Amino acid sequence: MTSPFPKDGPAVYFGFHDVHGFKDYVGYVILSAPDQFDWNADPGEEMDLDRAFVGLRYGFDVAAKEKGESRALEECRKLVEEALEDYRKGREREGVHRLQQMDALLLQI
């Protein structure tokens, strides 16, 4: 992966620019991780696990800008890093469970 998000920037690449769009993106990652990403992109810009998690981190920045920082958002950030570690270690069930926990917390934002 040459850059975390391709030439068009994160809002265009990840397909969201507000909290509601971010929540939709979270669902996409839950259904697709770790390796079932169906993403039409130019060569070198395909979605993969690492890039998907860059999108999640970008979403937290969008949410913080739109709604302000909160304890729920802080916990979401922690769960995402733990989920990525789970996926990298082959613990898919634990990874998806953490993403689902994070998704539930997003309802508070």
Protein backbone atom coordinates (compact mmCIF):
# COMPACT_ATOMS: atom_id res chain seq x y z
CA MET A 1 0.00 0.00 0.00
CA THR A 2 1.58 3.27 -1.08
CA SER A 3 -0.69 5.69 0.78
CA PRO A 4 -3.46 5.36 3.34
CA PHE A 5 -5.96 6.83 0.90
CA PRO A 6 -5.57 7.48 -2.80
CA LYS A 7 -5.30 10.66 -4.77
CA ASP A 8 -8.90 11.82 -4.37
CA GLY A 9 -8.63 12.14 -0.59
CA PRO A 10 -10.37 10.31 2.22
CA ALA A 11 -13.92 11.68 1.84
CA VAL A 12 -14.09 10.61 -1.80
CA TYR A 13 -12.20 7.34 -1.38
CA PHE A 14 -14.01 6.10 1.72
CA GLY A 15 -17.33 7.50 0.53
CA PHE A 16 -18.40 9.53 3.56
CA HIS A 17 -17.98 13.02 4.96
CA ASP A 18 -20.29 12.95 7.98
CA VAL A 19 -21.17 10.74 10.94
CA HIS A 20 -24.11 9.09 9.20
CA GLY A 21 -21.96 8.06 6.24
CA PHE A 22 -19.28 6.86 8.64
CA LYS A 23 -21.76 4.57 10.38
CA ASP A 24 -22.62 3.02 7.00
CA TYR A 25 -18.91 2.54 6.31
CA VAL A 26 -18.51 0.75 9.66
CA GLY A 27 -21.14 -1.76 8.56
CA TYR A 28 -19.26 -2.33 5.32
CA VAL A 29 -16.03 -3.05 7.22
CA ILE A 30 -17.78 -5.40 9.65
CA LEU A 31 -19.19 -7.41 6.75
CA SER A 32 -15.98 -7.38 4.69
CA ALA A 33 -13.05 -7.76 7.08
CA PRO A 34 -10.56 -9.24 6.95
CA ASP A 35 -10.35 -10.05 3.24
CA GLN A 36 -13.73 -9.84 1.48
CA PHE A 37 -13.57 -6.21 0.34
CA ASP A 38 -15.45 -5.60 -2.89
CA TRP A 39 -14.10 -2.22 -3.91
CA ASN A 40 -13.77 -0.92 -7.46
CA ALA A 41 -10.64 1.17 -7.54
CA ASP A 42 -7.68 1.92 -9.72
CA PRO A 43 -4.71 -0.47 -9.46
CA GLY A 44 -2.83 0.24 -6.25
CA GLU A 45 -5.91 1.81 -4.65
CA GLU A 46 -7.79 -1.38 -3.81
CA MET A 47 -9.31 -1.74 -0.36
CA ASP A 48 -7.56 -4.05 2.09
CA LEU A 49 -7.64 -4.55 5.84
CA ASP A 50 -5.09 -1.85 6.66
CA ARG A 51 -6.71 0.71 4.39
CA ALA A 52 -10.18 -0.13 5.78
CA PHE A 53 -8.92 0.64 9.26
CA VAL A 54 -7.43 3.92 8.05
CA GLY A 55 -10.99 4.70 6.99
CA LEU A 56 -12.28 3.89 10.46
CA ARG A 57 -9.71 6.21 12.03
CA TYR A 58 -10.65 8.91 9.51
CA GLY A 59 -14.29 8.40 10.54
CA PHE A 60 -13.42 9.06 14.16
CA ASP A 61 -11.85 12.35 13.13
CA VAL A 62 -15.00 13.23 11.17
CA ALA A 63 -17.19 12.31 14.15
CA ALA A 64 -15.06 14.33 16.58
CA LYS A 65 -15.18 17.36 14.30
CA GLU A 66 -18.94 17.07 13.84
CA LYS A 67 -20.05 16.00 17.32
CA GLY A 68 -17.06 16.71 19.59
CA GLU A 69 -14.85 14.32 21.49
CA SER A 70 -16.55 11.97 23.94
CA ARG A 71 -15.85 8.94 26.11
CA ALA A 72 -17.78 6.80 23.63
CA LEU A 73 -15.56 7.97 20.78
CA GLU A 74 -12.44 7.31 22.85
CA GLU A 75 -13.64 3.76 23.57
CA CYS A 76 -14.43 3.27 19.86
CA ARG A 77 -10.86 4.20 18.95
CA LYS A 78 -9.53 1.68 21.45
CA LEU A 79 -11.81 -1.10 20.17
CA VAL A 80 -10.75 -0.49 16.57
CA GLU A 81 -7.07 -0.85 17.39
CA GLU A 82 -7.80 -4.04 19.32
CA ALA A 83 -9.91 -5.37 16.44
CA LEU A 84 -7.12 -4.74 13.95
CA GLU A 85 -4.69 -6.60 16.18
CA ASP A 86 -7.16 -9.49 16.42
CA TYR A 87 -7.51 -9.68 12.64
CA ARG A 88 -3.75 -9.57 12.14
CA LYS A 89 -3.34 -12.48 14.56
CA GLY A 90 -6.02 -14.53 12.81
CA ARG A 91 -8.65 -14.04 15.51
CA GLU A 92 -11.49 -13.08 13.17
CA ARG A 93 -14.32 -13.80 15.60
CA GLU A 94 -12.78 -11.56 18.25
CA GLY A 95 -12.06 -8.86 15.67
CA VAL A 96 -15.61 -8.73 14.37
CA HIS A 97 -16.97 -8.80 17.92
CA ARG A 98 -14.90 -5.72 18.81
CA LEU A 99 -16.11 -3.94 15.66
CA GLN A 100 -19.69 -4.77 16.60
CA GLN A 101 -19.11 -3.35 20.08
CA MET A 102 -17.72 -0.21 18.48
CA ASP A 103 -20.71 0.01 16.15
CA ALA A 104 -23.07 -0.14 19.13
CA LEU A 105 -21.13 2.64 20.88
CA LEU A 106 -21.46 4.83 17.78
CA LEU A 107 -25.18 5.02 18.53
CA GLN A 108 -24.23 7.32 21.42
CA ILE A 109 -22.47 9.74 19.10
